[in-house]
Amino acid sequence: ERVKADYFNTEGDTTEDTVAIITEIRNNIMIKKEEIIQTIAPLIPPKYKVNLKKPTYVIFVTVFKSACGITVLKDYYERKRYNLVAYCQ
């Protein structure tokens, strides 16, 4: 809920911003991509449309063994997925 307040404007009925949820799961066979998406998707305000090709915001969830990290990234694909080498080319 705290992240939602920091990144997603809940005022108003419409917005041009879009969102996508991306998961990266390594060395963990218990957690499934679908479970993560089904848990996070209801927390996104309904005025944000889903756009998997060029979203304004990406909710990036990474799981490695038993550790999980979640971040919200703006312009993920425009910034070459935050890959420094690709971004500098």
C-alpha atoms as a PDB file:
ATOM      1  CA  GLU A   1       0.000   0.000   0.000  1.00  0.00           C
ATOM      2  CA  ARG A   2       2.862   2.390   0.753  1.00  0.00           C
ATOM      3  CA  VAL A   3       4.423   1.802  -2.668  1.00  0.00           C
ATOM      4  CA  LYS A   4       1.051   2.317  -4.293  1.00  0.00           C
ATOM      5  CA  ALA A   5       0.738   5.740  -2.665  1.00  0.00           C
ATOM      6  CA  ASP A   6       4.255   6.730  -3.763  1.00  0.00           C
ATOM      7  CA  TYR A   7       3.951   5.756  -7.429  1.00  0.00           C
ATOM      8  CA  PHE A   8       0.306   5.508  -8.425  1.00  0.00           C
ATOM      9  CA  ASN A   9      -1.980   8.530  -8.313  1.00  0.00           C
ATOM     10  CA  THR A  10      -5.282   7.369  -6.857  1.00  0.00           C
ATOM     11  CA  GLU A  11      -7.127  10.649  -7.461  1.00  0.00           C
ATOM     12  CA  GLY A  12      -9.301  11.101 -10.522  1.00  0.00           C
ATOM     13  CA  ASP A  13     -10.976   8.561 -12.754  1.00  0.00           C
ATOM     14  CA  THR A  14      -8.624   8.342 -15.738  1.00  0.00           C
ATOM     15  CA  THR A  15      -4.963   8.534 -16.612  1.00  0.00           C
ATOM     16  CA  GLU A  16      -2.778   8.084 -19.673  1.00  0.00           C
ATOM     17  CA  ASP A  17      -0.285   6.017 -17.668  1.00  0.00           C
ATOM     18  CA  THR A  18      -0.079   2.269 -18.168  1.00  0.00           C
ATOM     19  CA  VAL A  19       1.410  -0.552 -16.134  1.00  0.00           C
ATOM     20  CA  ALA A  20       2.903  -4.033 -16.538  1.00  0.00           C
ATOM     21  CA  ILE A  21       4.012  -6.653 -14.026  1.00  0.00           C
ATOM     22  CA  ILE A  22       7.265  -8.444 -14.851  1.00  0.00           C
ATOM     23  CA  THR A  23       8.565 -11.385 -12.845  1.00  0.00           C
ATOM     24  CA  GLU A  24      11.985 -12.985 -12.667  1.00  0.00           C
ATOM     25  CA  ILE A  25      12.159 -16.201 -10.632  1.00  0.00           C
ATOM     26  CA  ARG A  26      15.445 -18.040 -10.117  1.00  0.00           C
ATOM     27  CA  ASN A  27      16.283 -21.117  -8.042  1.00  0.00           C
ATOM     28  CA  ASN A  28      12.785 -21.354  -6.592  1.00  0.00           C
ATOM     29  CA  ILE A  29      10.273 -23.995  -7.663  1.00  0.00           C
ATOM     30  CA  MET A  30       7.570 -23.098  -5.122  1.00  0.00           C
ATOM     31  CA  ILE A  31       6.545 -19.650  -6.370  1.00  0.00           C
ATOM     32  CA  LYS A  32       4.807 -19.312  -9.721  1.00  0.00           C
ATOM     33  CA  LYS A  33       4.612 -16.259 -11.978  1.00  0.00           C
ATOM     34  CA  GLU A  34       0.811 -16.407 -12.058  1.00  0.00           C
ATOM     35  CA  GLU A  35       0.586 -16.321  -8.248  1.00  0.00           C
ATOM     36  CA  ILE A  36       2.698 -13.173  -8.093  1.00  0.00           C
ATOM     37  CA  ILE A  37       0.634 -11.430 -10.766  1.00  0.00           C
ATOM     38  CA  GLN A  38      -2.664 -12.434  -9.123  1.00  0.00           C
ATOM     39  CA  THR A  39      -1.432 -11.051  -5.798  1.00  0.00           C
ATOM     40  CA  ILE A  40      -0.166  -7.704  -7.108  1.00  0.00           C
ATOM     41  CA  ALA A  41      -2.717  -6.905  -9.835  1.00  0.00           C
ATOM     42  CA  PRO A  42      -5.633  -6.137  -7.462  1.00  0.00           C
ATOM     43  CA  LEU A  43      -3.477  -3.523  -5.694  1.00  0.00           C
ATOM     44  CA  ILE A  44      -3.086  -1.407  -8.854  1.00  0.00           C
ATOM     45  CA  PRO A  45      -5.730   1.339  -9.152  1.00  0.00           C
ATOM     46  CA  PRO A  46      -8.268   0.352 -11.839  1.00  0.00           C
ATOM     47  CA  LYS A  47      -7.705   3.529 -13.872  1.00  0.00           C
ATOM     48  CA  TYR A  48      -4.256   2.234 -14.930  1.00  0.00           C
ATOM     49  CA  LYS A  49      -4.523   0.173 -18.111  1.00  0.00           C
ATOM     50  CA  VAL A  50      -2.302  -2.826 -18.808  1.00  0.00           C
ATOM     51  CA  ASN A  51       0.267  -2.401 -21.575  1.00  0.00           C
ATOM     52  CA  LEU A  52       2.829  -5.177 -21.903  1.00  0.00           C
ATOM     53  CA  LYS A  53       4.712  -3.669 -24.853  1.00  0.00           C
ATOM     54  CA  LYS A  54       5.440  -0.104 -23.692  1.00  0.00           C
ATOM     55  CA  PRO A  55       4.124   0.574 -20.185  1.00  0.00           C
ATOM     56  CA  THR A  56       4.687   3.820 -18.320  1.00  0.00           C
ATOM     57  CA  TYR A  57       5.407   1.862 -15.128  1.00  0.00           C
ATOM     58  CA  VAL A  58       6.745  -1.656 -14.637  1.00  0.00           C
ATOM     59  CA  ILE A  59       6.266  -3.457 -11.367  1.00  0.00           C
ATOM     60  CA  PHE A  60       9.343  -5.681 -11.369  1.00  0.00           C
ATOM     61  CA  VAL A  61       9.296  -8.658  -9.009  1.00  0.00           C
ATOM     62  CA  THR A  62      12.433 -10.748  -8.655  1.00  0.00           C
ATOM     63  CA  VAL A  63      12.708 -13.920  -6.594  1.00  0.00           C
ATOM     64  CA  PHE A  64      16.036 -15.594  -5.902  1.00  0.00           C
ATOM     65  CA  LYS A  65      15.910 -18.683  -3.694  1.00  0.00           C
ATOM     66  CA  SER A  66      13.936 -17.435  -0.672  1.00  0.00           C
ATOM     67  CA  ALA A  67      14.495 -13.682  -1.170  1.00  0.00           C
ATOM     68  CA  CYS A  68      12.056 -11.421  -2.998  1.00  0.00           C
ATOM     69  CA  GLY A  69      12.497  -7.881  -4.270  1.00  0.00           C
ATOM     70  CA  ILE A  70       9.829  -5.592  -5.676  1.00  0.00           C
ATOM     71  CA  THR A  71      10.368  -2.254  -7.379  1.00  0.00           C
ATOM     72  CA  VAL A  72       8.443   0.147  -9.575  1.00  0.00           C
ATOM     73  CA  LEU A  73      10.359   1.359 -12.623  1.00  0.00           C
ATOM     74  CA  LYS A  74       9.314   4.202 -14.897  1.00  0.00           C
ATOM     75  CA  ASP A  75       9.953   3.990 -18.659  1.00  0.00           C
ATOM     76  CA  TYR A  76      11.470   0.515 -18.323  1.00  0.00           C
ATOM     77  CA  TYR A  77      11.675  -0.253 -22.040  1.00  0.00           C
ATOM     78  CA  GLU A  78      12.607   3.286 -23.107  1.00  0.00           C
ATOM     79  CA  ARG A  79      15.596   3.013 -20.786  1.00  0.00           C
ATOM     80  CA  LYS A  80      16.634  -0.324 -22.310  1.00  0.00           C
ATOM     81  CA  ARG A  81      15.406  -2.317 -19.291  1.00  0.00           C
ATOM     82  CA  TYR A  82      17.864  -0.359 -17.126  1.00  0.00           C
ATOM     83  CA  ASN A  83      20.784  -2.167 -18.788  1.00  0.00           C
ATOM     84  CA  LEU A  84      23.653   0.315 -18.678  1.00  0.00           C
ATOM     85  CA  VAL A  85      25.546  -1.171 -21.640  1.00  0.00           C
ATOM     86  CA  ALA A  86      22.472  -1.219 -23.893  1.00  0.00           C
ATOM     87  CA  TYR A  87      21.448   2.266 -22.779  1.00  0.00           C
ATOM     88  CA  CYS A  88      24.845   3.787 -23.679  1.00  0.00           C
ATOM     89  CA  GLN A  89      24.857   2.392 -27.231  1.00  0.00           C
END
